[in-house]
Amino acid sequence: LLRLLGSSFLLFLLTSQLYSVLSVYATGVVGVGRDTLGLVYSVNGFTIIFLQMGATQLADRFRCSQSFRLVAGSLLYLAGYFSLAFCAGGVSLGCAVFVLTLGELFVQPALYTQISRLAPPGAVGRSMAALGLVRGIGFAVGPWIGSIVFEWFASSPVILWGILSSFALVAGIGFLTMRAFDAVRKSV
């Protein structure tokens, strides 16, 4: 449970950048207007609205484990956030946000499922509250970290988004080690 919460914290640090650093980066570095930025954010919302159920059903149909979904989602987060470094306008920003939102489609339901499965008997509510606390702390600290990284590397987008997207890589490795740990535990 602690490994899941720790890896989730890293993802929450990253996902908070969508609402903080991305807006400053898109308008200040890429040079899109606020109306275009609003459309980019709409890509996130509409993707979740229209694809969330289908993505979950598709993963269920192919019998993807929750751990696999967490790792795959982390990799999509990594690809989406890192690709922001190469965006030159609203269309490319929208494509990057679409990719990172695909990561969200897989990660968010899997996180809650894993929390409920890993919770000690009678402690599902407390475990969900712990995830909510970790999410809140990640969303509080993430923009601060992002602003520091942005201040240092705004003129070097590959380094900027490379550093920030590395949170997804480390989280994915954490989720992968959970999967390996679960496989060993089941064989014993």
N, C-alpha and C. Protein backbone atom coordinates (compact mmCIF):
# COMPACT_ATOMS: atom_id res chain seq x y z
N LEU A 1 0.83 -1.20 0.00
CA LEU A 1 0.00 0.00 0.00
C LEU A 1 0.87 1.26 0.00
N LEU A 2 1.94 1.24 0.80
CA LEU A 2 2.83 2.41 0.85
C LEU A 2 3.55 2.63 -0.47
N ARG A 3 3.93 1.56 -1.12
CA ARG A 3 4.59 1.68 -2.43
C ARG A 3 3.62 2.27 -3.45
N LEU A 4 2.37 1.85 -3.40
CA LEU A 4 1.35 2.39 -4.30
C LEU A 4 1.14 3.88 -4.02
N LEU A 5 1.05 4.25 -2.77
CA LEU A 5 0.86 5.66 -2.41
C LEU A 5 2.07 6.50 -2.82
N GLY A 6 3.28 5.97 -2.61
CA GLY A 6 4.48 6.71 -2.99
C GLY A 6 4.58 6.93 -4.49
N SER A 7 4.29 5.89 -5.25
CA SER A 7 4.33 6.02 -6.71
C SER A 7 3.22 6.95 -7.19
N SER A 8 2.07 6.87 -6.55
CA SER A 8 0.95 7.76 -6.90
C SER A 8 1.32 9.21 -6.62
N PHE A 9 2.02 9.45 -5.52
CA PHE A 9 2.44 10.81 -5.18
C PHE A 9 3.28 11.41 -6.30
N LEU A 10 4.19 10.61 -6.86
CA LEU A 10 5.02 11.11 -7.96
C LEU A 10 4.16 11.47 -9.17
N LEU A 11 3.16 10.64 -9.46
CA LEU A 11 2.28 10.97 -10.58
C LEU A 11 1.47 12.23 -10.31
N PHE A 12 1.04 12.41 -9.07
CA PHE A 12 0.27 13.61 -8.74
C PHE A 12 1.14 14.87 -8.85
N LEU A 13 2.42 14.74 -8.52
CA LEU A 13 3.34 15.87 -8.72
C LEU A 13 3.37 16.26 -10.20
N LEU A 14 3.38 15.24 -11.05
CA LEU A 14 3.42 15.50 -12.49
C LEU A 14 2.09 16.01 -13.02
N THR A 15 1.00 15.35 -12.64
CA THR A 15 -0.29 15.73 -13.22
C THR A 15 -0.71 17.14 -12.82
N SER A 16 -0.20 17.62 -11.71
CA SER A 16 -0.52 19.00 -11.31
C SER A 16 0.09 20.02 -12.28
N GLN A 17 1.07 19.60 -13.07
CA GLN A 17 1.70 20.50 -14.03
C GLN A 17 0.74 20.87 -15.16
N LEU A 18 -0.25 20.02 -15.39
CA LEU A 18 -1.25 20.31 -16.43
C LEU A 18 -1.97 21.62 -16.14
N TYR A 19 -2.17 21.89 -14.86
CA TYR A 19 -2.95 23.07 -14.48
C TYR A 19 -2.07 24.24 -14.05
N SER A 20 -0.77 24.04 -13.96
CA SER A 20 0.09 25.13 -13.52
C SER A 20 1.11 25.48 -14.59
N VAL A 21 2.13 24.68 -14.74
CA VAL A 21 3.23 25.01 -15.66
C VAL A 21 2.77 25.01 -17.12
N LEU A 22 1.88 24.09 -17.48
CA LEU A 22 1.46 24.02 -18.89
C LEU A 22 0.85 25.33 -19.36
N SER A 23 0.02 25.95 -18.55
CA SER A 23 -0.62 27.19 -19.00
C SER A 23 0.40 28.30 -19.23
N VAL A 24 1.38 28.42 -18.34
CA VAL A 24 2.42 29.44 -18.49
C VAL A 24 3.32 29.10 -19.68
N TYR A 25 3.67 27.83 -19.80
CA TYR A 25 4.51 27.37 -20.90
C TYR A 25 3.82 27.58 -22.26
N ALA A 26 2.54 27.19 -22.34
CA ALA A 26 1.82 27.29 -23.61
C ALA A 26 1.68 28.73 -24.07
N THR A 27 1.38 29.64 -23.15
CA THR A 27 1.18 31.04 -23.55
C THR A 27 2.50 31.79 -23.65
N GLY A 28 3.44 31.52 -22.76
CA GLY A 28 4.69 32.28 -22.73
C GLY A 28 5.78 31.76 -23.64
N VAL A 29 5.89 30.43 -23.76
CA VAL A 29 6.98 29.84 -24.55
C VAL A 29 6.49 29.44 -25.94
N VAL A 30 5.42 28.66 -25.98
CA VAL A 30 4.89 28.23 -27.28
C VAL A 30 4.22 29.40 -27.99
N GLY A 31 3.56 30.26 -27.23
CA GLY A 31 2.97 31.46 -27.79
C GLY A 31 1.53 31.34 -28.25
N VAL A 32 0.78 30.40 -27.70
CA VAL A 32 -0.63 30.30 -28.07
C VAL A 32 -1.44 31.28 -27.23
N GLY A 33 -2.59 31.66 -27.75
CA GLY A 33 -3.48 32.57 -27.02
C GLY A 33 -4.29 31.82 -25.98
N ARG A 34 -4.95 32.59 -25.13
CA ARG A 34 -5.75 31.98 -24.06
C ARG A 34 -6.92 31.18 -24.61
N ASP A 35 -7.49 31.63 -25.73
CA ASP A 35 -8.60 30.87 -26.31
C ASP A 35 -8.13 29.50 -26.81
N THR A 36 -6.95 29.46 -27.42
CA THR A 36 -6.38 28.19 -27.88
C THR A 36 -6.05 27.31 -26.68
N LEU A 37 -5.52 27.90 -25.63
CA LEU A 37 -5.21 27.14 -24.43
C LEU A 37 -6.48 26.53 -23.85
N GLY A 38 -7.58 27.27 -23.89
CA GLY A 38 -8.85 26.73 -23.43
C GLY A 38 -9.28 25.51 -24.23
N LEU A 39 -9.05 25.55 -25.54
CA LEU A 39 -9.38 24.39 -26.38
C LEU A 39 -8.48 23.20 -26.05
N VAL A 40 -7.21 23.49 -25.74
CA VAL A 40 -6.29 22.42 -25.35
C VAL A 40 -6.79 21.74 -24.08
N TYR A 41 -7.23 22.53 -23.12
CA TYR A 41 -7.78 21.95 -21.89
C TYR A 41 -9.07 21.19 -22.16
N SER A 42 -9.83 21.63 -23.16
CA SER A 42 -11.05 20.92 -23.53
C SER A 42 -10.74 19.52 -24.06
N VAL A 43 -9.59 19.36 -24.70
CA VAL A 43 -9.18 18.03 -25.16
C VAL A 43 -9.11 17.09 -23.96
N ASN A 44 -8.55 17.56 -22.86
CA ASN A 44 -8.47 16.75 -21.65
C ASN A 44 -9.86 16.35 -21.16
N GLY A 45 -10.72 17.32 -21.03
CA GLY A 45 -12.06 17.05 -20.52
C GLY A 45 -12.88 16.14 -21.41
N PHE A 46 -12.90 16.43 -22.71
CA PHE A 46 -13.69 15.62 -23.63
C PHE A 46 -13.14 14.20 -23.77
N THR A 47 -11.82 14.07 -23.70
CA THR A 47 -11.23 12.73 -23.77
C THR A 47 -11.70 11.89 -22.59
N ILE A 48 -11.70 12.48 -21.42
CA ILE A 48 -12.16 11.74 -20.23
C ILE A 48 -13.65 11.41 -20.35
N ILE A 49 -14.44 12.40 -20.75
CA ILE A 49 -15.88 12.18 -20.85
C ILE A 49 -16.23 11.07 -21.85
N PHE A 50 -15.59 11.11 -23.02
CA PHE A 50 -15.99 10.20 -24.08
C PHE A 50 -15.23 8.87 -24.11
N LEU A 51 -14.05 8.80 -23.51
CA LEU A 51 -13.25 7.58 -23.63
C LEU A 51 -13.03 6.82 -22.33
N GLN A 52 -13.35 7.41 -21.19
CA GLN A 52 -13.05 6.74 -19.91
C GLN A 52 -13.70 5.37 -19.80
N MET A 53 -14.97 5.29 -20.01
CA MET A 53 -15.67 4.00 -19.88
C MET A 53 -15.17 3.00 -20.91
N GLY A 54 -15.00 3.44 -22.14
CA GLY A 54 -14.52 2.55 -23.19
C GLY A 54 -13.12 2.02 -22.93
N ALA A 55 -12.25 2.88 -22.44
CA ALA A 55 -10.88 2.44 -22.14
C ALA A 55 -10.87 1.42 -21.02
N THR A 56 -11.68 1.64 -20.00
CA THR A 56 -11.76 0.70 -18.89
C THR A 56 -12.34 -0.63 -19.35
N GLN A 57 -13.38 -0.58 -20.16
CA GLN A 57 -13.98 -1.82 -20.67
C GLN A 57 -13.01 -2.57 -21.59
N LEU A 58 -12.26 -1.84 -22.40
CA LEU A 58 -11.28 -2.46 -23.28
C LEU A 58 -10.18 -3.15 -22.47
N ALA A 59 -9.70 -2.47 -21.44
CA ALA A 59 -8.67 -3.08 -20.58
C ALA A 59 -9.23 -4.31 -19.86
N ASP A 60 -10.49 -4.26 -19.45
CA ASP A 60 -11.12 -5.42 -18.82
C ASP A 60 -11.26 -6.57 -19.82
N ARG A 61 -11.65 -6.21 -21.03
CA ARG A 61 -11.84 -7.25 -22.07
C ARG A 61 -10.55 -8.00 -22.36
N PHE A 62 -9.42 -7.27 -22.37
CA PHE A 62 -8.13 -7.90 -22.62
C PHE A 62 -7.48 -8.42 -21.34
N ARG A 63 -8.24 -8.36 -20.24
CA ARG A 63 -7.81 -8.86 -18.94
C ARG A 63 -6.47 -8.27 -18.49
N CYS A 64 -6.33 -6.98 -18.70
CA CYS A 64 -5.13 -6.27 -18.24
C CYS A 64 -5.20 -6.13 -16.72
N SER A 65 -4.15 -6.51 -16.06
CA SER A 65 -4.12 -6.37 -14.60
C SER A 65 -4.08 -4.89 -14.22
N GLN A 66 -4.45 -4.61 -13.01
CA GLN A 66 -4.42 -3.23 -12.53
C GLN A 66 -2.98 -2.70 -12.53
N SER A 67 -2.03 -3.56 -12.19
CA SER A 67 -0.62 -3.14 -12.20
C SER A 67 -0.18 -2.78 -13.61
N PHE A 68 -0.60 -3.58 -14.59
CA PHE A 68 -0.27 -3.28 -15.99
C PHE A 68 -0.84 -1.93 -16.39
N ARG A 69 -2.08 -1.67 -15.99
CA ARG A 69 -2.72 -0.40 -16.32
C ARG A 69 -1.96 0.77 -15.70
N LEU A 70 -1.49 0.59 -14.48
CA LEU A 70 -0.73 1.66 -13.82
C LEU A 70 0.59 1.92 -14.55
N VAL A 71 1.28 0.85 -14.94
CA VAL A 71 2.55 1.01 -15.66
C VAL A 71 2.30 1.62 -17.04
N ALA A 72 1.33 1.09 -17.77
CA ALA A 72 1.02 1.62 -19.11
C ALA A 72 0.59 3.08 -19.03
N GLY A 73 -0.26 3.40 -18.06
CA GLY A 73 -0.69 4.78 -17.88
C GLY A 73 0.46 5.71 -17.55
N SER A 74 1.38 5.24 -16.73
CA SER A 74 2.57 6.05 -16.40
C SER A 74 3.40 6.32 -17.64
N LEU A 75 3.53 5.31 -18.50
CA LEU A 75 4.29 5.50 -19.74
C LEU A 75 3.60 6.48 -20.68
N LEU A 76 2.27 6.44 -20.71
CA LEU A 76 1.54 7.42 -21.52
C LEU A 76 1.68 8.83 -20.94
N TYR A 77 1.64 8.94 -19.62
CA TYR A 77 1.90 10.23 -18.98
C TYR A 77 3.30 10.72 -19.38
N LEU A 78 4.28 9.84 -19.29
CA LEU A 78 5.66 10.19 -19.66
C LEU A 78 5.73 10.69 -21.09
N ALA A 79 5.14 9.94 -22.01
CA ALA A 79 5.19 10.33 -23.42
C ALA A 79 4.46 11.65 -23.66
N GLY A 80 3.28 11.80 -23.05
CA GLY A 80 2.51 13.02 -23.25
C GLY A 80 3.19 14.26 -22.71
N TYR A 81 3.66 14.17 -21.47
CA TYR A 81 4.31 15.35 -20.88
C TYR A 81 5.64 15.66 -21.56
N PHE A 82 6.42 14.63 -21.90
CA PHE A 82 7.70 14.90 -22.56
C PHE A 82 7.48 15.49 -23.95
N SER A 83 6.43 15.05 -24.63
CA SER A 83 6.17 15.57 -25.98
C SER A 83 5.81 17.06 -25.97
N LEU A 84 5.44 17.60 -24.81
CA LEU A 84 5.17 19.05 -24.73
C LEU A 84 6.40 19.87 -25.11
N ALA A 85 7.58 19.29 -24.92
CA ALA A 85 8.82 19.99 -25.25
C ALA A 85 8.93 20.29 -26.74
N PHE A 86 8.21 19.54 -27.56
CA PHE A 86 8.33 19.67 -29.01
C PHE A 86 7.13 20.34 -29.65
N CYS A 87 6.23 20.87 -28.84
CA CYS A 87 5.02 21.50 -29.35
C CYS A 87 5.31 22.90 -29.88
N ALA A 88 4.68 23.22 -31.01
CA ALA A 88 4.89 24.52 -31.64
C ALA A 88 3.60 25.31 -31.82
N GLY A 89 2.49 24.75 -31.40
CA GLY A 89 1.21 25.44 -31.56
C GLY A 89 0.10 24.69 -30.86
N GLY A 90 -1.11 25.16 -31.07
CA GLY A 90 -2.27 24.59 -30.40
C GLY A 90 -2.56 23.15 -30.75
N VAL A 91 -2.38 22.79 -32.03
CA VAL A 91 -2.67 21.42 -32.46
C VAL A 91 -1.72 20.44 -31.79
N SER A 92 -0.44 20.76 -31.79
CA SER A 92 0.52 19.84 -31.17
C SER A 92 0.33 19.79 -29.65
N LEU A 93 -0.01 20.92 -29.04
CA LEU A 93 -0.32 20.90 -27.60
C LEU A 93 -1.54 20.01 -27.33
N GLY A 94 -2.55 20.13 -28.17
CA GLY A 94 -3.75 19.29 -28.02
C GLY A 94 -3.43 17.81 -28.15
N CYS A 95 -2.54 17.48 -29.09
CA CYS A 95 -2.13 16.07 -29.27
C CYS A 95 -1.38 15.56 -28.03
N ALA A 96 -0.49 16.39 -27.50
CA ALA A 96 0.25 15.99 -26.30
C ALA A 96 -0.69 15.80 -25.12
N VAL A 97 -1.65 16.70 -24.97
CA VAL A 97 -2.62 16.59 -23.88
C VAL A 97 -3.50 15.35 -24.09
N PHE A 98 -3.82 15.02 -25.31
CA PHE A 98 -4.59 13.81 -25.58
C PHE A 98 -3.82 12.57 -25.11
N VAL A 99 -2.54 12.51 -25.43
CA VAL A 99 -1.72 11.35 -25.03
C VAL A 99 -1.62 11.25 -23.51
N LEU A 100 -1.34 12.36 -22.84
CA LEU A 100 -1.22 12.28 -21.39
C LEU A 100 -2.57 11.98 -20.74
N THR A 101 -3.65 12.40 -21.37
CA THR A 101 -4.98 12.08 -20.85
C THR A 101 -5.29 10.59 -21.03
N LEU A 102 -4.77 9.97 -22.07
CA LEU A 102 -4.91 8.52 -22.19
C LEU A 102 -4.26 7.82 -20.99
N GLY A 103 -3.14 8.38 -20.54
CA GLY A 103 -2.52 7.84 -19.33
C GLY A 103 -3.44 7.96 -18.14
N GLU A 104 -4.09 9.09 -18.05
CA GLU A 104 -5.04 9.31 -16.95
C GLU A 104 -6.20 8.32 -17.01
N LEU A 105 -6.66 7.99 -18.22
CA LEU A 105 -7.76 7.05 -18.38
C LEU A 105 -7.44 5.68 -17.79
N PHE A 106 -6.17 5.29 -17.87
CA PHE A 106 -5.78 3.99 -17.34
C PHE A 106 -5.39 4.06 -15.86
N VAL A 107 -4.73 5.13 -15.47
CA VAL A 107 -4.20 5.21 -14.11
C VAL A 107 -5.28 5.42 -13.06
N GLN A 108 -6.16 6.38 -13.27
CA GLN A 108 -7.08 6.76 -12.20
C GLN A 108 -7.98 5.61 -11.73
N PRO A 109 -8.67 4.89 -12.63
CA PRO A 109 -9.50 3.78 -12.14
C PRO A 109 -8.65 2.67 -11.49
N ALA A 110 -7.47 2.41 -12.06
CA ALA A 110 -6.61 1.36 -11.51
C ALA A 110 -6.11 1.72 -10.11
N LEU A 111 -5.84 3.00 -9.87
CA LEU A 111 -5.39 3.42 -8.54
C LEU A 111 -6.44 3.10 -7.49
N TYR A 112 -7.67 3.47 -7.75
CA TYR A 112 -8.72 3.23 -6.77
C TYR A 112 -8.99 1.74 -6.57
N THR A 113 -8.90 0.98 -7.66
CA THR A 113 -9.08 -0.46 -7.55
C THR A 113 -7.97 -1.08 -6.71
N GLN A 114 -6.73 -0.68 -7.00
CA GLN A 114 -5.59 -1.23 -6.24
C GLN A 114 -5.65 -0.84 -4.77
N ILE A 115 -6.04 0.39 -4.49
CA ILE A 115 -6.16 0.83 -3.10
C ILE A 115 -7.17 -0.06 -2.37
N SER A 116 -8.32 -0.30 -3.00
CA SER A 116 -9.34 -1.11 -2.34
C SER A 116 -8.88 -2.55 -2.16
N ARG A 117 -8.07 -3.05 -3.08
CA ARG A 117 -7.57 -4.43 -2.97
C ARG A 117 -6.46 -4.55 -1.92
N LEU A 118 -5.63 -3.53 -1.80
CA LEU A 118 -4.49 -3.59 -0.87
C LEU A 118 -4.84 -3.15 0.54
N ALA A 119 -6.00 -2.56 0.70
CA ALA A 119 -6.40 -2.06 2.02
C ALA A 119 -6.57 -3.23 2.99
N PRO A 120 -6.12 -3.04 4.23
CA PRO A 120 -6.38 -4.07 5.24
C PRO A 120 -7.88 -4.24 5.45
N PRO A 121 -8.31 -5.40 5.91
CA PRO A 121 -9.74 -5.62 6.14
C PRO A 121 -10.33 -4.53 7.05
N GLY A 122 -11.43 -3.97 6.61
CA GLY A 122 -12.11 -2.94 7.38
C GLY A 122 -11.48 -1.56 7.28
N ALA A 123 -10.49 -1.39 6.41
CA ALA A 123 -9.80 -0.10 6.32
C ALA A 123 -9.81 0.47 4.90
N VAL A 124 -10.79 0.08 4.10
CA VAL A 124 -10.85 0.59 2.73
C VAL A 124 -11.06 2.10 2.75
N GLY A 125 -11.96 2.58 3.60
CA GLY A 125 -12.22 4.02 3.68
C GLY A 125 -10.98 4.81 4.07
N ARG A 126 -10.25 4.32 5.07
CA ARG A 126 -9.02 5.01 5.49
C ARG A 126 -7.96 4.97 4.39
N SER A 127 -7.90 3.86 3.67
CA SER A 127 -6.92 3.76 2.58
C SER A 127 -7.27 4.71 1.45
N MET A 128 -8.56 4.83 1.13
CA MET A 128 -8.99 5.80 0.11
C MET A 128 -8.69 7.22 0.58
N ALA A 129 -8.89 7.48 1.86
CA ALA A 129 -8.58 8.80 2.41
C ALA A 129 -7.09 9.08 2.32
N ALA A 130 -6.27 8.05 2.54
CA ALA A 130 -4.81 8.23 2.41
C ALA A 130 -4.44 8.59 0.97
N LEU A 131 -5.11 7.95 0.00
CA LEU A 131 -4.86 8.31 -1.40
C LEU A 131 -5.29 9.74 -1.65
N GLY A 132 -6.43 10.15 -1.10
CA GLY A 132 -6.88 11.53 -1.25
C GLY A 132 -5.90 12.52 -0.63
N LEU A 133 -5.34 12.17 0.52
CA LEU A 133 -4.33 13.02 1.16
C LEU A 133 -3.08 13.13 0.30
N VAL A 134 -2.62 11.99 -0.21
CA VAL A 134 -1.44 11.97 -1.07
C VAL A 134 -1.70 12.80 -2.33
N ARG A 135 -2.88 12.67 -2.89
CA ARG A 135 -3.24 13.46 -4.07
C ARG A 135 -3.24 14.95 -3.75
N GLY A 136 -3.83 15.31 -2.62
CA GLY A 136 -3.86 16.72 -2.23
C GLY A 136 -2.48 17.30 -2.01
N ILE A 137 -1.62 16.55 -1.36
CA ILE A 137 -0.25 17.02 -1.13
C ILE A 137 0.49 17.13 -2.46
N GLY A 138 0.31 16.15 -3.34
CA GLY A 138 0.95 16.20 -4.66
C GLY A 138 0.50 17.40 -5.47
N PHE A 139 -0.80 17.70 -5.41
CA PHE A 139 -1.32 18.85 -6.15
C PHE A 139 -0.96 20.17 -5.49
N ALA A 140 -0.59 20.15 -4.20
CA ALA A 140 -0.15 21.37 -3.53
C ALA A 140 1.34 21.63 -3.77
N VAL A 141 2.13 20.58 -3.75
CA VAL A 141 3.58 20.71 -3.90
C VAL A 141 4.00 20.75 -5.36
N GLY A 142 3.28 20.03 -6.22
CA GLY A 142 3.65 19.92 -7.63
C GLY A 142 3.83 21.25 -8.35
N PRO A 143 2.88 22.19 -8.23
CA PRO A 143 3.07 23.47 -8.92
C PRO A 143 4.29 24.24 -8.41
N TRP A 144 4.61 24.11 -7.14
CA TRP A 144 5.80 24.77 -6.61
C TRP A 144 7.06 24.19 -7.25
N ILE A 145 7.14 22.86 -7.31
CA ILE A 145 8.29 22.21 -7.95
C ILE A 145 8.33 22.59 -9.43
N GLY A 146 7.17 22.53 -10.08
CA GLY A 146 7.11 22.88 -11.50
C GLY A 146 7.54 24.30 -11.77
N SER A 147 7.16 25.23 -10.89
CA SER A 147 7.55 26.63 -11.10
C SER A 147 9.05 26.82 -10.95
N ILE A 148 9.66 26.09 -10.04
CA ILE A 148 11.12 26.17 -9.89
C ILE A 148 11.81 25.62 -11.13
N VAL A 149 11.37 24.46 -11.58
CA VAL A 149 11.97 23.86 -12.79
C VAL A 149 11.72 24.76 -13.99
N PHE A 150 10.53 25.33 -14.09
CA PHE A 150 10.22 26.23 -15.20
C PHE A 150 11.12 27.47 -15.17
N GLU A 151 11.32 28.02 -13.99
CA GLU A 151 12.16 29.20 -13.86
C GLU A 151 13.59 28.93 -14.33
N TRP A 152 14.09 27.76 -14.01
CA TRP A 152 15.47 27.41 -14.39
C TRP A 152 15.60 27.02 -15.86
N PHE A 153 14.57 26.34 -16.41
CA PHE A 153 14.74 25.72 -17.72
C PHE A 153 13.68 26.11 -18.75
N ALA A 154 13.03 27.25 -18.58
CA ALA A 154 12.00 27.67 -19.53
C ALA A 154 12.56 27.81 -20.94
N SER A 155 13.82 28.17 -21.05
CA SER A 155 14.42 28.34 -22.38
C SER A 155 14.93 27.03 -22.96
N SER A 156 14.83 25.95 -22.21
CA SER A 156 15.25 24.63 -22.69
C SER A 156 14.12 23.62 -22.44
N PRO A 157 13.12 23.62 -23.33
CA PRO A 157 11.93 22.78 -23.11
C PRO A 157 12.22 21.29 -22.93
N VAL A 158 13.22 20.76 -23.62
CA VAL A 158 13.52 19.33 -23.48
C VAL A 158 13.96 19.02 -22.06
N ILE A 159 14.78 19.87 -21.48
CA ILE A 159 15.21 19.65 -20.10
C ILE A 159 14.03 19.88 -19.15
N LEU A 160 13.28 20.95 -19.37
CA LEU A 160 12.12 21.26 -18.53
C LEU A 160 11.17 20.08 -18.46
N TRP A 161 10.68 19.63 -19.60
CA TRP A 161 9.69 18.55 -19.61
C TRP A 161 10.34 17.20 -19.35
N GLY A 162 11.63 17.07 -19.62
CA GLY A 162 12.35 15.84 -19.27
C GLY A 162 12.40 15.64 -17.77
N ILE A 163 12.71 16.72 -17.05
CA ILE A 163 12.75 16.64 -15.58
C ILE A 163 11.36 16.34 -15.03
N LEU A 164 10.37 17.09 -15.49
CA LEU A 164 9.02 16.91 -14.95
C LEU A 164 8.44 15.54 -15.31
N SER A 165 8.65 15.09 -16.54
CA SER A 165 8.08 13.80 -16.94
C SER A 165 8.83 12.63 -16.30
N SER A 166 10.02 12.88 -15.76
CA SER A 166 10.74 11.79 -15.08
C SER A 166 9.98 11.28 -13.86
N PHE A 167 9.08 12.11 -13.31
CA PHE A 167 8.23 11.63 -12.21
C PHE A 167 7.40 10.44 -12.66
N ALA A 168 6.91 10.46 -13.90
CA ALA A 168 6.12 9.35 -14.42
C ALA A 168 6.98 8.11 -14.60
N LEU A 169 8.22 8.30 -15.02
CA LEU A 169 9.13 7.17 -15.20
C LEU A 169 9.38 6.48 -13.86
N VAL A 170 9.69 7.26 -12.84
CA VAL A 170 9.97 6.70 -11.52
C VAL A 170 8.70 6.05 -10.95
N ALA A 171 7.55 6.69 -11.15
CA ALA A 171 6.29 6.10 -10.68
C ALA A 171 6.02 4.78 -11.40
N GLY A 172 6.25 4.76 -12.70
CA GLY A 172 6.05 3.52 -13.47
C GLY A 172 6.95 2.40 -12.97
N ILE A 173 8.19 2.73 -12.65
CA ILE A 173 9.10 1.73 -12.09
C ILE A 173 8.58 1.25 -10.74
N GLY A 174 8.06 2.18 -9.94
CA GLY A 174 7.47 1.80 -8.66
C GLY A 174 6.29 0.86 -8.84
N PHE A 175 5.41 1.16 -9.79
CA PHE A 175 4.27 0.29 -10.06
C PHE A 175 4.74 -1.06 -10.61
N LEU A 176 5.79 -1.05 -11.42
CA LEU A 176 6.33 -2.29 -11.98
C LEU A 176 6.90 -3.17 -10.88
N THR A 177 7.60 -2.59 -9.92
CA THR A 177 8.14 -3.38 -8.82
C THR A 177 7.02 -3.93 -7.95
N MET A 178 5.92 -3.21 -7.84
CA MET A 178 4.75 -3.74 -7.13
C MET A 178 4.24 -4.99 -7.82
N ARG A 179 4.21 -4.94 -9.12
CA ARG A 179 3.73 -6.09 -9.91
C ARG A 179 4.64 -7.28 -9.71
N ALA A 180 5.96 -7.04 -9.75
CA ALA A 180 6.91 -8.12 -9.54
C ALA A 180 6.78 -8.67 -8.11
N PHE A 181 6.59 -7.78 -7.16
CA PHE A 181 6.43 -8.19 -5.76
C PHE A 181 5.17 -9.04 -5.60
N ASP A 182 4.09 -8.64 -6.27
CA ASP A 182 2.83 -9.40 -6.20
C ASP A 182 3.01 -10.79 -6.82
N ALA A 183 3.77 -10.89 -7.93
CA ALA A 183 4.00 -12.18 -8.56
C ALA A 183 4.78 -13.11 -7.64
N VAL A 184 5.79 -12.57 -6.97
CA VAL A 184 6.59 -13.37 -6.04
C VAL A 184 5.73 -13.81 -4.86
N ARG A 185 4.93 -12.89 -4.34
CA ARG A 185 4.08 -13.19 -3.18
C ARG A 185 3.05 -14.27 -3.53
N LYS A 186 2.51 -14.25 -4.75
CA LYS A 186 1.53 -15.26 -5.14
C LYS A 186 2.14 -16.63 -5.30
N SER A 187 3.43 -16.68 -5.72
CA SER A 187 4.08 -17.97 -5.94
C SER A 187 4.52 -18.62 -4.63
N VAL A 188 4.57 -17.84 -3.56
CA VAL A 188 5.02 -18.39 -2.27
C VAL A 188 3.88 -19.01 -1.52
